[in-house]
Amino acid sequence: MYPNASDGRDKRISVISVQHLLQRWQERAQEIRLVAGHFPLSTIELLDADFVTLSILRPPVERTVSYLRHQKRINRDDRELSLETIYDDPFRFNGLIRNHMVRMFSIGAEEMMAGDGVLTDVGDSLVRLERAKEAVAGLDAFGLQPRFEEFWDEFAARHGLVVGEPVHSNASEPEDASPALIARIEEDNALDIALYEFAERVYLDRRANDPDPAN
């Protein structure tokens, strides 16, 4: 699996930096069978292997609030800050919050190298949304966070995998976001909301037309 203990101690680099992944791929390509991280889908174009692509999409408001809580948990300097203050940090807002899912699925392989992956700040547009929709529909498998266990049960059945008992990590302490912050998140992530609604329709349509998980 990438990353493992040999790929560096700082997971903030190993799970986001495309350059770091490419360096480790040169050394470990023959042994890697799974690449996991916050990498744009187009990253597979830079790796000389055939991949089964899969992703879990999460409702954008829930995802953003969870991210803000996670930042408070892992960063000592953020622990006394409000969720609004963390949200207003330009680096995190433009790199990991604003229409994050659309960026993950729409950014091109050459385009993303300027920011070493998903941190590349690209403009929002309906063109990007349509590109992201095509990418999601073209994934080998994708699930929805509210139906997380359902996705993995069916994915395991399809590929004959034994995934074991659920393991929980990166769990943050509950903290409610204010109505004003929720409204801002909805406005700033309108493209992500549209993408999630599209993914939800595709997911449910596929299950309705072919409920057999083996397919």
Protein backbone atom coordinates (compact mmCIF):
# COMPACT_ATOMS: atom_id res chain seq x y z
CA MET A 1 0.00 0.00 0.00
CA TYR A 2 1.04 3.59 -0.58
CA PRO A 3 1.69 5.27 1.76
CA ASN A 4 3.27 2.96 4.29
CA ALA A 5 5.95 3.52 6.93
CA SER A 6 8.71 3.63 4.30
CA ASP A 7 7.13 6.61 2.52
CA GLY A 8 7.97 9.18 5.18
CA ARG A 9 6.71 10.05 8.62
CA ASP A 10 4.72 13.14 7.61
CA LYS A 11 1.40 11.88 6.27
CA ARG A 12 0.41 15.44 5.43
CA ILE A 13 2.93 15.14 2.59
CA SER A 14 2.55 11.50 1.61
CA VAL A 15 -1.24 11.64 1.18
CA ILE A 16 -1.37 14.97 -0.71
CA SER A 17 1.90 15.60 -2.56
CA VAL A 18 1.84 14.19 -6.08
CA GLN A 19 5.57 14.84 -6.43
CA HIS A 20 6.24 12.72 -3.35
CA LEU A 21 4.03 9.95 -4.70
CA LEU A 22 5.89 9.97 -8.02
CA GLN A 23 9.26 9.77 -6.25
CA ARG A 24 8.15 6.83 -4.14
CA TRP A 25 6.52 5.19 -7.18
CA GLN A 26 9.90 5.10 -8.92
CA GLU A 27 11.26 3.06 -6.01
CA ARG A 28 8.25 0.98 -5.01
CA ALA A 29 6.08 0.60 -8.12
CA GLN A 30 6.58 -3.16 -8.34
CA GLU A 31 5.28 -3.76 -4.82
CA ILE A 32 2.45 -1.21 -4.61
CA ARG A 33 -1.04 -2.62 -5.15
CA LEU A 34 -3.08 0.18 -3.59
CA VAL A 35 -2.63 3.95 -3.73
CA ALA A 36 -4.70 5.83 -1.17
CA GLY A 37 -4.74 9.55 -0.47
CA HIS A 38 -6.17 12.92 -1.39
CA PHE A 39 -5.05 12.84 -4.99
CA PRO A 40 -6.90 14.19 -8.04
CA LEU A 41 -8.29 11.41 -10.20
CA SER A 42 -5.98 12.40 -13.07
CA THR A 43 -2.99 11.30 -10.95
CA ILE A 44 -3.39 7.83 -12.47
CA GLU A 45 -2.27 9.29 -15.81
CA LEU A 46 1.18 9.86 -14.25
CA LEU A 47 1.61 6.29 -12.99
CA ASP A 48 2.49 3.49 -15.40
CA ALA A 49 -0.06 0.94 -14.21
CA ASP A 50 -3.69 -0.01 -14.72
CA PHE A 51 -5.89 1.03 -11.81
CA VAL A 52 -9.31 0.22 -10.49
CA THR A 53 -10.56 3.66 -9.45
CA LEU A 54 -12.86 4.13 -6.49
CA SER A 55 -13.97 6.98 -4.30
CA ILE A 56 -16.46 7.88 -1.60
CA LEU A 57 -18.33 11.17 -2.00
CA ARG A 58 -19.55 12.98 1.07
CA PRO A 59 -22.26 15.65 1.40
CA PRO A 60 -20.27 18.90 1.01
CA VAL A 61 -21.53 20.74 4.09
CA GLU A 62 -20.94 17.72 6.31
CA ARG A 63 -17.51 17.18 4.76
CA THR A 64 -16.48 20.79 5.32
CA VAL A 65 -17.61 20.94 8.94
CA SER A 66 -15.84 17.64 9.62
CA TYR A 67 -12.67 19.03 8.03
CA LEU A 68 -12.82 22.14 10.21
CA ARG A 69 -13.25 20.05 13.36
CA HIS A 70 -10.38 17.82 12.28
CA GLN A 71 -8.10 20.85 11.91
CA LYS A 72 -8.89 21.85 15.48
CA ARG A 73 -8.03 18.36 16.67
CA ILE A 74 -4.69 17.90 14.92
CA ASN A 75 -3.27 21.45 14.97
CA ARG A 76 -2.32 22.78 18.39
CA ASP A 77 -2.52 26.39 17.22
CA ASP A 78 -6.10 25.88 16.04
CA ARG A 79 -7.59 24.36 19.16
CA GLU A 80 -8.87 27.63 20.59
CA LEU A 81 -10.01 29.01 17.25
CA SER A 82 -13.60 29.09 16.06
CA LEU A 83 -14.68 27.04 13.08
CA GLU A 84 -15.28 30.33 11.25
CA THR A 85 -11.69 31.48 11.80
CA ILE A 86 -10.28 28.23 10.42
CA TYR A 87 -12.70 28.43 7.49
CA ASP A 88 -11.42 31.93 6.68
CA ASP A 89 -7.79 30.81 6.40
CA PRO A 90 -7.02 31.42 2.68
CA PHE A 91 -4.66 28.44 2.36
CA ARG A 92 -7.20 25.94 3.67
CA PHE A 93 -10.20 27.59 2.06
CA ASN A 94 -8.74 27.72 -1.45
CA GLY A 95 -6.80 24.46 -1.22
CA LEU A 96 -9.00 22.05 0.70
CA ILE A 97 -12.46 23.54 1.19
CA ARG A 98 -13.89 25.50 -1.75
CA ASN A 99 -15.52 23.08 -4.20
CA HIS A 100 -12.93 20.49 -3.21
CA MET A 101 -14.65 17.50 -4.79
CA VAL A 102 -15.14 19.20 -8.15
CA ARG A 103 -11.45 20.04 -8.17
CA MET A 104 -10.45 16.46 -7.28
CA PHE A 105 -12.36 15.10 -10.26
CA SER A 106 -11.81 17.86 -12.83
CA ILE A 107 -8.22 19.05 -12.50
CA GLY A 108 -5.89 17.76 -15.23
CA ALA A 109 -2.60 15.94 -14.72
CA GLU A 110 -0.44 18.74 -16.14
CA GLU A 111 -2.60 21.46 -14.64
CA MET A 112 -2.23 20.23 -11.07
CA MET A 113 1.57 20.12 -11.03
CA ALA A 114 1.74 23.85 -10.22
CA GLY A 115 0.33 23.16 -6.77
CA ASP A 116 1.70 19.63 -6.37
CA GLY A 117 -1.75 18.11 -6.58
CA VAL A 118 -5.09 19.18 -5.24
CA LEU A 119 -3.63 22.28 -3.57
CA THR A 120 -3.45 23.83 -7.03
CA ASP A 121 -5.91 26.71 -6.91
CA VAL A 122 -8.07 26.64 -10.02
CA GLY A 123 -11.11 28.75 -10.75
CA ASP A 124 -14.65 27.52 -10.34
CA SER A 125 -16.76 27.06 -13.45
CA LEU A 126 -19.63 25.06 -14.85
CA VAL A 127 -17.14 23.51 -17.28
CA ARG A 128 -15.26 22.04 -14.32
CA LEU A 129 -18.51 20.77 -12.84
CA GLU A 130 -19.41 18.95 -16.06
CA ARG A 131 -15.90 17.50 -16.27
CA ALA A 132 -16.20 16.30 -12.68
CA LYS A 133 -19.58 14.69 -13.40
CA GLU A 134 -18.09 12.75 -16.31
CA ALA A 135 -15.20 11.63 -14.12
CA VAL A 136 -17.46 10.41 -11.31
CA ALA A 137 -19.66 8.51 -13.76
CA GLY A 138 -16.52 6.91 -15.21
CA LEU A 139 -15.15 5.62 -11.90
CA ASP A 140 -14.94 1.85 -11.61
CA ALA A 141 -16.80 2.16 -8.31
CA PHE A 142 -18.00 4.96 -6.10
CA GLY A 143 -20.06 5.22 -2.96
CA LEU A 144 -21.76 7.79 -0.78
CA GLN A 145 -20.64 8.49 2.77
CA PRO A 146 -24.16 8.07 4.26
CA ARG A 147 -24.17 4.56 2.73
CA PHE A 148 -20.54 3.80 3.54
CA GLU A 149 -20.93 0.23 4.83
CA GLU A 150 -23.24 -0.66 1.95
CA PHE A 151 -20.58 0.40 -0.55
CA TRP A 152 -17.80 -1.65 1.04
CA ASP A 153 -19.96 -4.73 1.53
CA GLU A 154 -20.88 -4.70 -2.16
CA PHE A 155 -17.37 -3.83 -3.34
CA ALA A 156 -15.95 -6.72 -1.31
CA ALA A 157 -18.56 -9.11 -2.69
CA ARG A 158 -17.83 -8.02 -6.26
CA HIS A 159 -14.07 -8.55 -5.96
CA GLY A 160 -13.97 -11.43 -3.49
CA LEU A 161 -12.29 -9.36 -0.77
CA VAL A 162 -12.23 -9.90 2.98
CA VAL A 163 -12.11 -6.38 4.41
CA GLY A 164 -12.37 -7.26 8.10
CA GLU A 165 -14.11 -5.34 10.84
CA PRO A 166 -14.63 -1.57 10.48
CA VAL A 167 -11.75 0.60 11.67
CA HIS A 168 -12.36 4.19 12.73
CA SER A 169 -9.70 6.90 12.42
CA ASN A 170 -9.53 10.70 12.24
CA ALA A 171 -12.70 10.95 14.33
CA SER A 172 -13.25 14.52 15.53
CA GLU A 173 -15.16 15.79 18.54
CA PRO A 174 -18.71 16.97 17.77
CA GLU A 175 -19.07 20.72 17.42
CA ASP A 176 -22.05 22.42 15.85
CA ALA A 177 -21.49 24.97 13.12
CA SER A 178 -23.50 28.16 13.28
CA PRO A 179 -26.34 28.70 10.79
CA ALA A 180 -24.34 31.59 9.32
CA LEU A 181 -21.34 29.34 8.68
CA ILE A 182 -23.55 26.63 7.16
CA ALA A 183 -25.02 29.22 4.79
CA ARG A 184 -21.53 30.34 3.75
CA ILE A 185 -20.44 26.75 3.13
CA GLU A 186 -23.48 26.14 0.95
CA GLU A 187 -22.83 29.27 -1.08
CA ASP A 188 -19.08 28.71 -1.45
CA ASN A 189 -19.51 25.05 -2.42
CA ALA A 190 -22.44 25.28 -4.81
CA LEU A 191 -20.56 23.27 -7.46
CA ASP A 192 -19.72 20.52 -4.96
CA ILE A 193 -23.36 20.34 -3.89
CA ALA A 194 -24.41 19.97 -7.53
CA LEU A 195 -21.79 17.25 -8.06
CA TYR A 196 -22.92 15.33 -4.98
CA GLU A 197 -26.56 15.51 -6.05
CA PHE A 198 -25.55 14.17 -9.47
CA ALA A 199 -23.54 11.34 -7.89
CA GLU A 200 -26.45 10.47 -5.63
CA ARG A 201 -28.80 10.18 -8.62
CA VAL A 202 -26.33 7.99 -10.55
CA TYR A 203 -25.70 5.77 -7.55
CA LEU A 204 -29.38 5.23 -6.81
CA ASP A 205 -30.28 4.72 -10.49
CA ARG A 206 -27.62 2.06 -10.87
CA ARG A 207 -28.85 0.19 -7.80
CA ALA A 208 -32.44 0.41 -8.98
CA ASN A 209 -31.58 -0.94 -12.43
CA ASP A 210 -29.20 -3.66 -11.23
CA PRO A 211 -29.38 -4.34 -7.48
CA ASP A 212 -27.00 -7.33 -7.67
CA PRO A 213 -23.72 -6.19 -6.00
CA ALA A 214 -21.78 -8.84 -7.97
CA ASN A 215 -22.35 -6.68 -11.07
